[in-house]
PDB file of N, CA and C in Angstrom:
ATOM      1  N   UNK A   1     -17.560   2.448   2.735  1.00  0.00           N
ATOM      2  CA  UNK A   1     -17.499   3.131   4.123  1.00  0.00           C
ATOM      3  C   UNK A   1     -16.923   4.587   3.833  1.00  0.00           C
ATOM      4  N   UNK A   2     -17.539   5.589   4.311  1.00  0.00           N
ATOM      5  CA  UNK A   2     -17.214   6.955   4.339  1.00  0.00           C
ATOM      6  C   UNK A   2     -16.025   7.157   5.328  1.00  0.00           C
ATOM      7  N   UNK A   3     -14.891   7.455   4.763  1.00  0.00           N
ATOM      8  CA  UNK A   3     -13.581   7.834   5.606  1.00  0.00           C
ATOM      9  C   UNK A   3     -13.282   9.198   5.618  1.00  0.00           C
ATOM     10  N   UNK A   4     -14.259  10.225   5.241  1.00  0.00           N
ATOM     11  CA  UNK A   4     -14.066  11.560   5.199  1.00  0.00           C
ATOM     12  C   UNK A   4     -13.575  12.180   6.560  1.00  0.00           C
ATOM     13  N   UNK A   5     -14.121  11.729   7.562  1.00  0.00           N
ATOM     14  CA  UNK A   5     -13.787  12.331   8.857  1.00  0.00           C
ATOM     15  C   UNK A   5     -12.685  11.466   9.621  1.00  0.00           C
ATOM     16  N   UNK A   6     -12.152  10.402   9.031  1.00  0.00           N
ATOM     17  CA  UNK A   6     -11.348   9.557   9.670  1.00  0.00           C
ATOM     18  C   UNK A   6      -9.926  10.425  10.048  1.00  0.00           C
ATOM     19  N   UNK A   7      -9.453  10.105  11.164  1.00  0.00           N
ATOM     20  CA  UNK A   7      -8.188  10.544  11.596  1.00  0.00           C
ATOM     21  C   UNK A   7      -7.034   9.647  11.305  1.00  0.00           C
ATOM     22  N   UNK A   8      -6.235  10.033  10.383  1.00  0.00           N
ATOM     23  CA  UNK A   8      -5.246   9.055   9.910  1.00  0.00           C
ATOM     24  C   UNK A   8      -4.029   9.549  10.770  1.00  0.00           C
ATOM     25  N   UNK A   9      -3.265   8.392  10.862  1.00  0.00           N
ATOM     26  CA  UNK A   9      -1.909   8.580  11.656  1.00  0.00           C
ATOM     27  C   UNK A   9      -0.973   7.549  11.157  1.00  0.00           C
ATOM     28  N   UNK A  10       0.410   7.986  11.171  1.00  0.00           N
ATOM     29  CA  UNK A  10       1.499   7.277  10.787  1.00  0.00           C
ATOM     30  C   UNK A  10       2.070   6.414  11.951  1.00  0.00           C
ATOM     31  N   UNK A  11       2.784   5.395  11.733  1.00  0.00           N
ATOM     32  CA  UNK A  11       3.496   4.702  12.778  1.00  0.00           C
ATOM     33  C   UNK A  11       4.405   5.642  13.407  1.00  0.00           C
ATOM     34  N   UNK A  12       4.678   5.526  14.787  1.00  0.00           N
ATOM     35  CA  UNK A  12       5.687   6.333  15.318  1.00  0.00           C
ATOM     36  C   UNK A  12       7.057   6.073  14.844  1.00  0.00           C
ATOM     37  N   UNK A  13       7.376   5.015  14.277  1.00  0.00           N
ATOM     38  CA  UNK A  13       8.702   4.775  13.708  1.00  0.00           C
ATOM     39  C   UNK A  13       8.874   5.027  12.278  1.00  0.00           C
ATOM     40  N   UNK A  14       8.014   5.709  11.753  1.00  0.00           N
ATOM     41  CA  UNK A  14       7.839   6.113  10.328  1.00  0.00           C
ATOM     42  C   UNK A  14       9.145   7.094  10.174  1.00  0.00           C
ATOM     43  N   UNK A  15       9.702   7.112   9.014  1.00  0.00           N
ATOM     44  CA  UNK A  15      10.776   8.169   8.770  1.00  0.00           C
ATOM     45  C   UNK A  15      10.250   9.730   8.750  1.00  0.00           C
ATOM     46  N   UNK A  16      11.184  10.422   8.989  1.00  0.00           N
ATOM     47  CA  UNK A  16      10.847  11.901   9.020  1.00  0.00           C
ATOM     48  C   UNK A  16      10.453  12.416   7.547  1.00  0.00           C
ATOM     49  N   UNK A  17      11.034  11.742   6.499  1.00  0.00           N
ATOM     50  CA  UNK A  17      10.771  12.028   5.086  1.00  0.00           C
ATOM     51  C   UNK A  17       9.434  11.667   4.691  1.00  0.00           C
ATOM     52  N   UNK A  18       8.942  10.665   5.494  1.00  0.00           N
ATOM     53  CA  UNK A  18       7.511  10.281   5.052  1.00  0.00           C
ATOM     54  C   UNK A  18       7.389   9.233   3.841  1.00  0.00           C
ATOM     55  N   UNK A  19       8.613   8.813   3.389  1.00  0.00           N
ATOM     56  CA  UNK A  19       8.566   7.846   2.197  1.00  0.00           C
ATOM     57  C   UNK A  19       8.146   6.434   2.711  1.00  0.00           C
ATOM     58  N   UNK A  20       7.302   5.764   1.686  1.00  0.00           N
ATOM     59  CA  UNK A  20       6.930   4.527   1.882  1.00  0.00           C
ATOM     60  C   UNK A  20       6.279   4.102   3.151  1.00  0.00           C
ATOM     61  N   UNK A  21       5.310   5.093   3.710  1.00  0.00           N
ATOM     62  CA  UNK A  21       4.587   4.863   4.952  1.00  0.00           C
ATOM     63  C   UNK A  21       3.245   4.411   4.723  1.00  0.00           C
ATOM     64  N   UNK A  22       2.789   3.552   5.749  1.00  0.00           N
ATOM     65  CA  UNK A  22       1.334   3.394   5.661  1.00  0.00           C
ATOM     66  C   UNK A  22       0.800   4.175   6.820  1.00  0.00           C
ATOM     67  N   UNK A  23      -0.629   4.453   6.621  1.00  0.00           N
ATOM     68  CA  UNK A  23      -1.291   5.254   7.736  1.00  0.00           C
ATOM     69  C   UNK A  23      -2.440   4.341   8.051  1.00  0.00           C
ATOM     70  N   UNK A  24      -2.978   4.564   9.171  1.00  0.00           N
ATOM     71  CA  UNK A  24      -4.044   3.919   9.611  1.00  0.00           C
ATOM     72  C   UNK A  24      -5.090   4.860  10.348  1.00  0.00           C
ATOM     73  N   UNK A  25      -6.342   4.394  10.423  1.00  0.00           N
ATOM     74  CA  UNK A  25      -7.256   5.164  10.904  1.00  0.00           C
ATOM     75  C   UNK A  25      -8.284   4.082  11.634  1.00  0.00           C
ATOM     76  N   UNK A  26      -8.831   4.424  12.798  1.00  0.00           N
ATOM     77  CA  UNK A  26      -9.685   3.544  13.502  1.00  0.00           C
ATOM     78  C   UNK A  26     -11.069   4.199  13.420  1.00  0.00           C
ATOM     79  N   UNK A  27     -11.972   3.398  12.916  1.00  0.00           N
ATOM     80  CA  UNK A  27     -13.310   3.689  12.831  1.00  0.00           C
ATOM     81  C   UNK A  27     -14.191   2.711  13.427  1.00  0.00           C
ATOM     82  N   UNK A  28     -15.401   2.981  13.836  1.00  0.00           N
ATOM     83  CA  UNK A  28     -16.048   2.039  14.631  1.00  0.00           C
ATOM     84  C   UNK A  28     -16.089   0.576  14.098  1.00  0.00           C
ATOM     85  N   UNK A  29     -15.426  -0.275  14.822  1.00  0.00           N
ATOM     86  CA  UNK A  29     -15.313  -1.784  14.439  1.00  0.00           C
ATOM     87  C   UNK A  29     -14.249  -2.045  13.300  1.00  0.00           C
ATOM     88  N   UNK A  30     -13.695  -1.138  12.785  1.00  0.00           N
ATOM     89  CA  UNK A  30     -12.882  -1.210  11.616  1.00  0.00           C
ATOM     90  C   UNK A  30     -11.556  -0.540  11.765  1.00  0.00           C
ATOM     91  N   UNK A  31     -10.493  -1.105  11.162  1.00  0.00           N
ATOM     92  CA  UNK A  31      -9.255  -0.375  10.952  1.00  0.00           C
ATOM     93  C   UNK A  31      -8.955  -0.107   9.458  1.00  0.00           C
ATOM     94  N   UNK A  32      -8.882   1.063   8.994  1.00  0.00           N
ATOM     95  CA  UNK A  32      -8.508   1.344   7.640  1.00  0.00           C
ATOM     96  C   UNK A  32      -7.133   1.599   7.450  1.00  0.00           C
ATOM     97  N   UNK A  33      -6.452   1.242   6.408  1.00  0.00           N
ATOM     98  CA  UNK A  33      -5.084   1.320   6.160  1.00  0.00           C
ATOM     99  C   UNK A  33      -4.852   1.909   4.701  1.00  0.00           C
ATOM    100  N   UNK A  34      -3.972   2.912   4.536  1.00  0.00           N
ATOM    101  CA  UNK A  34      -3.696   3.472   3.293  1.00  0.00           C
ATOM    102  C   UNK A  34      -2.244   3.682   3.103  1.00  0.00           C
ATOM    103  N   UNK A  35      -1.778   4.067   1.798  1.00  0.00           N
ATOM    104  CA  UNK A  35      -0.481   4.494   1.431  1.00  0.00           C
ATOM    105  C   UNK A  35      -0.455   5.976   1.676  1.00  0.00           C
ATOM    106  N   UNK A  36       0.595   6.489   2.513  1.00  0.00           N
ATOM    107  CA  UNK A  36       0.658   7.773   2.888  1.00  0.00           C
ATOM    108  C   UNK A  36       0.976   8.804   1.525  1.00  0.00           C
ATOM    109  N   UNK A  37       1.594   8.068   0.629  1.00  0.00           N
ATOM    110  CA  UNK A  37       1.949   8.710  -0.619  1.00  0.00           C
ATOM    111  C   UNK A  37       0.790   8.928  -1.559  1.00  0.00           C
ATOM    112  N   UNK A  38      -0.188   8.149  -1.333  1.00  0.00           N
ATOM    113  CA  UNK A  38      -1.385   8.248  -2.227  1.00  0.00           C
ATOM    114  C   UNK A  38      -2.751   8.235  -1.394  1.00  0.00           C
ATOM    115  N   UNK A  39      -2.906   9.248  -0.462  1.00  0.00           N
ATOM    116  CA  UNK A  39      -3.922   9.333   0.351  1.00  0.00           C
ATOM    117  C   UNK A  39      -5.403   9.171  -0.123  1.00  0.00           C
ATOM    118  N   UNK A  40      -5.529   9.539  -1.405  1.00  0.00           N
ATOM    119  CA  UNK A  40      -6.806   9.512  -2.125  1.00  0.00           C
ATOM    120  C   UNK A  40      -6.916   8.106  -2.916  1.00  0.00           C
ATOM    121  N   UNK A  41      -5.851   7.316  -2.760  1.00  0.00           N
ATOM    122  CA  UNK A  41      -5.926   6.040  -3.356  1.00  0.00           C
ATOM    123  C   UNK A  41      -6.822   4.957  -2.724  1.00  0.00           C
ATOM    124  N   UNK A  42      -6.524   3.621  -2.858  1.00  0.00           N
ATOM    125  CA  UNK A  42      -7.295   2.607  -2.244  1.00  0.00           C
ATOM    126  C   UNK A  42      -6.961   2.507  -0.838  1.00  0.00           C
ATOM    127  N   UNK A  43      -7.951   2.060  -0.219  1.00  0.00           N
ATOM    128  CA  UNK A  43      -7.776   1.621   1.345  1.00  0.00           C
ATOM    129  C   UNK A  43      -8.137   0.296   1.656  1.00  0.00           C
ATOM    130  N   UNK A  44      -7.487  -0.183   2.587  1.00  0.00           N
ATOM    131  CA  UNK A  44      -7.757  -1.621   2.950  1.00  0.00           C
ATOM    132  C   UNK A  44      -8.519  -1.494   4.269  1.00  0.00           C
ATOM    133  N   UNK A  45      -9.697  -2.165   4.482  1.00  0.00           N
ATOM    134  CA  UNK A  45     -10.565  -2.048   5.559  1.00  0.00           C
ATOM    135  C   UNK A  45     -10.450  -3.642   6.151  1.00  0.00           C
ATOM    136  N   UNK A  46     -10.165  -3.599   7.458  1.00  0.00           N
ATOM    137  CA  UNK A  46     -10.202  -4.919   8.257  1.00  0.00           C
ATOM    138  C   UNK A  46     -10.940  -4.628   9.529  1.00  0.00           C
ATOM    139  N   UNK A  47     -11.605  -5.821   9.859  1.00  0.00           N
ATOM    140  CA  UNK A  47     -12.215  -5.767  11.250  1.00  0.00           C
ATOM    141  C   UNK A  47     -11.182  -5.786  12.235  1.00  0.00           C
ATOM    142  N   UNK A  48     -11.312  -5.029  13.380  1.00  0.00           N
ATOM    143  CA  UNK A  48     -10.248  -4.719  14.531  1.00  0.00           C
ATOM    144  C   UNK A  48      -9.728  -6.123  14.847  1.00  0.00           C
ATOM    145  N   UNK A  49     -10.483  -7.333  15.087  1.00  0.00           N
ATOM    146  CA  UNK A  49      -9.869  -8.426  15.379  1.00  0.00           C
ATOM    147  C   UNK A  49      -8.826  -9.036  14.442  1.00  0.00           C
ATOM    148  N   UNK A  50      -9.249  -8.847  13.097  1.00  0.00           N
ATOM    149  CA  UNK A  50      -8.416  -9.191  11.978  1.00  0.00           C
ATOM    150  C   UNK A  50      -7.142  -8.445  11.978  1.00  0.00           C
ATOM    151  N   UNK A  51      -7.238  -7.157  12.237  1.00  0.00           N
ATOM    152  CA  UNK A  51      -6.016  -6.277  12.094  1.00  0.00           C
ATOM    153  C   UNK A  51      -5.076  -6.593  13.287  1.00  0.00           C
ATOM    154  N   UNK A  52      -5.692  -6.989  14.499  1.00  0.00           N
ATOM    155  CA  UNK A  52      -5.004  -7.345  15.696  1.00  0.00           C
ATOM    156  C   UNK A  52      -4.226  -8.707  15.397  1.00  0.00           C
ATOM    157  N   UNK A  53      -4.866  -9.607  14.649  1.00  0.00           N
ATOM    158  CA  UNK A  53      -4.119 -10.882  14.354  1.00  0.00           C
ATOM    159  C   UNK A  53      -2.978 -10.539  13.380  1.00  0.00           C
ATOM    160  N   UNK A  54      -3.247  -9.786  12.545  1.00  0.00           N
ATOM    161  CA  UNK A  54      -2.230  -9.471  11.467  1.00  0.00           C
ATOM    162  C   UNK A  54      -1.099  -8.751  12.124  1.00  0.00           C
ATOM    163  N   UNK A  55      -1.332  -7.690  12.974  1.00  0.00           N
ATOM    164  CA  UNK A  55      -0.313  -7.034  13.631  1.00  0.00           C
ATOM    165  C   UNK A  55       0.616  -8.016  14.568  1.00  0.00           C
ATOM    166  N   UNK A  56      -0.019  -8.841  15.269  1.00  0.00           N
ATOM    167  CA  UNK A  56       0.543  -9.763  16.040  1.00  0.00           C
ATOM    168  C   UNK A  56       1.560 -10.789  15.186  1.00  0.00           C
ATOM    169  N   UNK A  57       1.041 -11.167  14.161  1.00  0.00           N
ATOM    170  CA  UNK A  57       1.783 -11.971  13.317  1.00  0.00           C
ATOM    171  C   UNK A  57       2.831 -11.368  12.682  1.00  0.00           C
ATOM    172  N   UNK A  58       2.822 -10.052  12.393  1.00  0.00           N
ATOM    173  CA  UNK A  58       3.899  -9.149  11.960  1.00  0.00           C
ATOM    174  C   UNK A  58       5.112  -9.055  13.006  1.00  0.00           C
ATOM    175  N   UNK A  59       4.558  -8.952  14.315  1.00  0.00           N
ATOM    176  CA  UNK A  59       5.479  -8.837  15.407  1.00  0.00           C
ATOM    177  C   UNK A  59       6.186 -10.129  15.739  1.00  0.00           C
ATOM    178  N   UNK A  60       5.455 -11.223  15.208  1.00  0.00           N
ATOM    179  CA  UNK A  60       6.041 -12.539  15.691  1.00  0.00           C
ATOM    180  C   UNK A  60       5.563 -13.070  17.004  1.00  0.00           C
ATOM    181  N   UNK A  61       4.390 -12.525  17.360  1.00  0.00           N
ATOM    182  CA  UNK A  61       3.725 -12.942  18.713  1.00  0.00           C
ATOM    183  C   UNK A  61       2.955 -14.254  18.337  1.00  0.00           C
TER     184      UNK A  61
END
């Protein structure tokens, strides 16, 4: 998937220093996740429904 024009964002609770953060971008039908320290490195691509289930599990919902 071409993520050249993806708009990456960090969580609002990320530290000011930017250490150890993940960034995400929403592209049609998919959520892309990457390490903010290595933006050119590998990305994880998840279907939106799968990402929603993952986020809910992390939150304990």
